[in-house]
């Protein structure tokens, strides 16, 4: 796969392709993402996770209705209080922090006040939660628990996506062309499934 192949497979601009080609190909080489099927699935999934290779940090700028994505982790009253109302500008950092701390607090190693925001999604895969930051950091030889913003650096952002892919045996799903199973493994549900499948079809046309 050359840079133009990557650009068209990911359906991104030339500047984004130039930015991400080396970090992504190094990551794929390191983690055995080494066939057209695997590369197409990887590019598609992280394309969705990162809003087309443009976003490295999770946003909590949700509308009241949009907060329903978190199910019962927020009460109706909390959604109404914290969510963005019609005509309102983007949520303040304080309200976004409050949302993150509620929906991610007390889970997967998030124990201290503020851990939900501190260990929100970062990197091309949106690594989330203290325990995943710890495990990812150990694999990449980075102290991500102390400095989670290291995943905002391009090389680390890409490598963290490769770590998650490898740690969760995502190649097995890619080899079977099982985008539904792969999405559930990556997302924990089926959020963005249509986008992931569309990106996958685009990537397959280039890489297969």
Protein backbone atom coordinates (compact mmCIF):
# COMPACT_ATOMS: atom_id res chain seq x y z
CA UNK A 1 0.00 0.00 0.00
CA UNK A 2 1.43 3.35 -1.01
CA UNK A 3 0.33 6.79 0.16
CA UNK A 4 -2.16 7.26 -2.66
CA UNK A 5 -3.68 3.86 -1.95
CA UNK A 6 -4.11 4.88 1.67
CA UNK A 7 -5.59 8.23 0.71
CA UNK A 8 -8.25 6.68 -1.50
CA UNK A 9 -8.90 3.73 0.83
CA UNK A 10 -9.51 6.11 3.72
CA UNK A 11 -11.25 8.70 1.50
CA UNK A 12 -9.29 11.56 3.03
CA UNK A 13 -7.51 14.64 1.75
CA UNK A 14 -3.94 14.53 0.43
CA UNK A 15 -2.73 16.48 3.48
CA UNK A 16 -4.31 14.01 5.90
CA UNK A 17 -2.88 11.11 3.92
CA UNK A 18 0.59 12.65 4.11
CA UNK A 19 0.18 13.18 7.86
CA UNK A 20 -0.99 9.67 8.68
CA UNK A 21 0.59 7.37 6.09
CA UNK A 22 3.84 6.61 7.90
CA UNK A 23 2.36 6.34 11.42
CA UNK A 24 -0.38 4.05 10.09
CA UNK A 25 1.83 1.81 7.97
CA UNK A 26 4.35 1.47 10.80
CA UNK A 27 1.48 0.52 13.09
CA UNK A 28 0.08 -2.04 10.67
CA UNK A 29 3.52 -3.60 10.23
CA UNK A 30 4.04 -3.79 13.99
CA UNK A 31 0.69 -5.40 14.78
CA UNK A 32 0.30 -7.84 11.90
CA UNK A 33 -2.34 -5.90 9.99
CA UNK A 34 -0.75 -7.26 6.88
CA UNK A 35 -3.37 -8.26 4.32
CA UNK A 36 -5.76 -6.23 2.23
CA UNK A 37 -8.73 -7.46 4.25
CA UNK A 38 -7.12 -6.54 7.55
CA UNK A 39 -5.94 -3.15 6.34
CA UNK A 40 -9.33 -2.28 4.84
CA UNK A 41 -11.10 -3.17 8.09
CA UNK A 42 -8.56 -1.31 10.22
CA UNK A 43 -8.71 1.85 8.10
CA UNK A 44 -12.51 1.75 8.07
CA UNK A 45 -12.91 1.25 11.80
CA UNK A 46 -10.45 3.88 12.92
CA UNK A 47 -11.77 6.18 10.22
CA UNK A 48 -15.12 6.13 11.99
CA UNK A 49 -13.58 6.34 15.45
CA UNK A 50 -11.53 9.41 14.50
CA UNK A 51 -14.10 11.18 12.29
CA UNK A 52 -12.07 10.58 9.17
CA UNK A 53 -8.62 10.87 10.79
CA UNK A 54 -9.41 14.36 12.09
CA UNK A 55 -10.26 13.83 15.77
CA UNK A 56 -7.92 12.49 18.45
CA UNK A 57 -9.87 13.39 21.59
CA UNK A 58 -13.41 12.41 22.50
CA UNK A 59 -15.99 15.15 22.45
CA UNK A 60 -18.91 15.24 24.88
CA UNK A 61 -20.70 18.04 23.05
CA UNK A 62 -23.98 16.11 23.04
CA UNK A 63 -27.49 17.39 22.69
CA UNK A 64 -30.08 16.36 25.28
CA UNK A 65 -31.32 13.69 22.87
CA UNK A 66 -27.81 12.69 21.88
CA UNK A 67 -26.95 11.82 25.47
CA UNK A 68 -29.27 8.84 25.16
CA UNK A 69 -26.28 7.06 23.59
CA UNK A 70 -25.11 6.44 27.15
CA UNK A 71 -28.31 4.63 28.10
CA UNK A 72 -29.17 4.64 31.78
CA UNK A 73 -25.81 5.98 32.89
CA UNK A 74 -27.46 9.39 32.84
CA UNK A 75 -30.89 10.05 34.26
CA UNK A 76 -33.45 12.01 32.29
CA UNK A 77 -32.86 14.93 34.64
CA UNK A 78 -29.10 14.79 34.09
CA UNK A 79 -29.54 14.70 30.31
CA UNK A 80 -31.80 17.73 30.49
CA UNK A 81 -29.40 19.59 32.77
CA UNK A 82 -26.15 18.80 30.96
CA UNK A 83 -27.13 18.28 27.31
CA UNK A 84 -27.02 20.96 24.63
CA UNK A 85 -30.37 22.61 24.07
CA UNK A 86 -31.70 23.62 20.66
CA UNK A 87 -29.99 26.81 19.51
CA UNK A 88 -27.37 26.62 22.25
CA UNK A 89 -23.68 26.84 21.31
CA UNK A 90 -21.23 24.03 22.01
CA UNK A 91 -21.23 22.79 25.58
CA UNK A 92 -18.73 24.39 27.92
CA UNK A 93 -15.72 22.33 29.00
CA UNK A 94 -17.24 22.16 32.47
CA UNK A 95 -20.44 20.51 31.24
CA UNK A 96 -18.52 18.13 29.00
CA UNK A 97 -16.33 17.17 31.96
CA UNK A 98 -19.41 16.57 34.09
CA UNK A 99 -20.87 14.23 31.47
CA UNK A 100 -17.64 12.25 31.12
CA UNK A 101 -17.22 11.87 34.85
CA UNK A 102 -20.74 10.53 35.24
CA UNK A 103 -20.78 8.08 32.32
CA UNK A 104 -17.21 6.80 32.75
CA UNK A 105 -16.79 7.11 36.50
CA UNK A 106 -16.32 3.97 38.59
CA UNK A 107 -15.61 1.73 35.61
CA UNK A 108 -12.53 -0.13 34.37
CA UNK A 109 -10.14 1.41 36.85
CA UNK A 110 -11.67 4.89 36.89
CA UNK A 111 -11.86 5.34 40.66
CA UNK A 112 -10.83 8.90 41.48
CA UNK A 113 -12.92 12.01 41.01
CA UNK A 114 -12.30 13.33 37.51
CA UNK A 115 -11.04 10.01 36.09
CA UNK A 116 -13.91 9.84 33.60
CA UNK A 117 -12.70 13.02 31.92
CA UNK A 118 -9.02 12.29 32.48
CA UNK A 119 -9.25 8.93 30.73
CA UNK A 120 -11.77 9.85 28.04
CA UNK A 121 -11.23 8.58 24.51
CA UNK A 122 -7.96 9.59 22.85
CA UNK A 123 -5.97 8.46 19.84
CA UNK A 124 -7.27 7.20 16.52
CA UNK A 125 -9.13 4.38 18.26
CA UNK A 126 -10.33 6.51 21.19
CA UNK A 127 -8.71 4.47 23.97
CA UNK A 128 -10.88 4.96 27.06
CA UNK A 129 -10.66 4.19 30.82
CA UNK A 130 -7.74 4.00 33.23
CA UNK A 131 -7.19 0.26 32.80
CA UNK A 132 -6.89 0.55 29.02
CA UNK A 133 -4.51 3.51 29.32
CA UNK A 134 -2.41 1.41 31.69
CA UNK A 135 -2.32 -1.66 29.44
CA UNK A 136 -1.73 0.38 26.28
CA UNK A 137 1.05 2.34 27.95
CA UNK A 138 2.77 -0.83 29.08
CA UNK A 139 2.75 -2.18 25.53
CA UNK A 140 3.96 1.08 23.97
CA UNK A 141 6.39 1.91 26.81
CA UNK A 142 4.59 5.15 27.63
CA UNK A 143 3.31 6.38 30.99
CA UNK A 144 -0.21 7.05 29.76
CA UNK A 145 -1.68 6.95 33.25
CA UNK A 146 0.40 9.95 34.27
CA UNK A 147 0.17 11.70 30.90
CA UNK A 148 -2.85 10.54 28.91
CA UNK A 149 -2.36 13.38 26.41
CA UNK A 150 0.58 11.46 24.96
CA UNK A 151 -2.08 9.75 22.84
CA UNK A 152 -2.67 13.05 21.07
CA UNK A 153 0.72 12.74 19.37
CA UNK A 154 0.31 11.23 15.90
CA UNK A 155 2.67 8.27 16.31
CA UNK A 156 1.16 7.31 19.66
CA UNK A 157 -2.37 7.90 18.39
CA UNK A 158 -1.77 5.39 15.60
CA UNK A 159 0.15 2.90 17.73
CA UNK A 160 -2.58 2.89 20.38
CA UNK A 161 -5.10 1.90 17.72
CA UNK A 162 -2.83 -0.96 16.70
CA UNK A 163 -2.47 -2.02 20.33
CA UNK A 164 -6.23 -2.20 20.79
CA UNK A 165 -6.66 -4.07 17.51
CA UNK A 166 -4.07 -6.67 18.48
CA UNK A 167 -5.17 -6.98 22.13
CA UNK A 168 -8.74 -7.68 21.04
CA UNK A 169 -7.90 -10.12 18.21
CA UNK A 170 -9.52 -7.88 15.64
CA UNK A 171 -7.64 -9.53 12.76
CA UNK A 172 -9.80 -12.62 13.27
CA UNK A 173 -12.94 -10.60 12.52
CA UNK A 174 -11.28 -8.87 9.58
CA UNK A 175 -10.22 -12.19 8.07
CA UNK A 176 -13.86 -13.31 8.14
CA UNK A 177 -15.12 -10.00 6.72
CA UNK A 178 -17.26 -9.75 9.86
CA UNK A 179 -17.76 -6.02 10.22
CA UNK A 180 -20.68 -6.43 12.60
CA UNK A 181 -18.68 -8.56 15.01
CA UNK A 182 -15.68 -6.29 14.61
CA UNK A 183 -17.76 -3.21 15.35
CA UNK A 184 -19.15 -4.81 18.51
CA UNK A 185 -15.63 -5.72 19.61
CA UNK A 186 -14.33 -2.20 19.03
CA UNK A 187 -17.36 -0.14 20.05
CA UNK A 188 -19.10 -2.38 22.55
CA UNK A 189 -22.24 -2.00 20.44
CA UNK A 190 -23.15 -1.00 16.91
CA UNK A 191 -22.76 2.77 17.03
CA UNK A 192 -21.76 4.09 13.62
CA UNK A 193 -22.17 0.70 11.94
CA UNK A 194 -23.43 2.15 8.65
CA UNK A 195 -20.49 4.54 8.47
CA UNK A 196 -18.03 1.75 9.27
CA UNK A 197 -19.48 -0.49 6.58
CA UNK A 198 -19.44 2.29 4.01
CA UNK A 199 -15.82 3.08 4.80
CA UNK A 200 -14.99 -0.61 4.58
CA UNK A 201 -16.51 -0.94 1.13
CA UNK A 202 -14.51 2.09 -0.04
CA UNK A 203 -11.28 0.67 1.36
CA UNK A 204 -11.89 -2.78 -0.12
CA UNK A 205 -12.26 -1.32 -3.61
CA UNK A 206 -8.74 0.06 -3.31
CA UNK A 207 -6.91 -2.59 -1.33
CA UNK A 208 -8.37 -5.88 -2.55
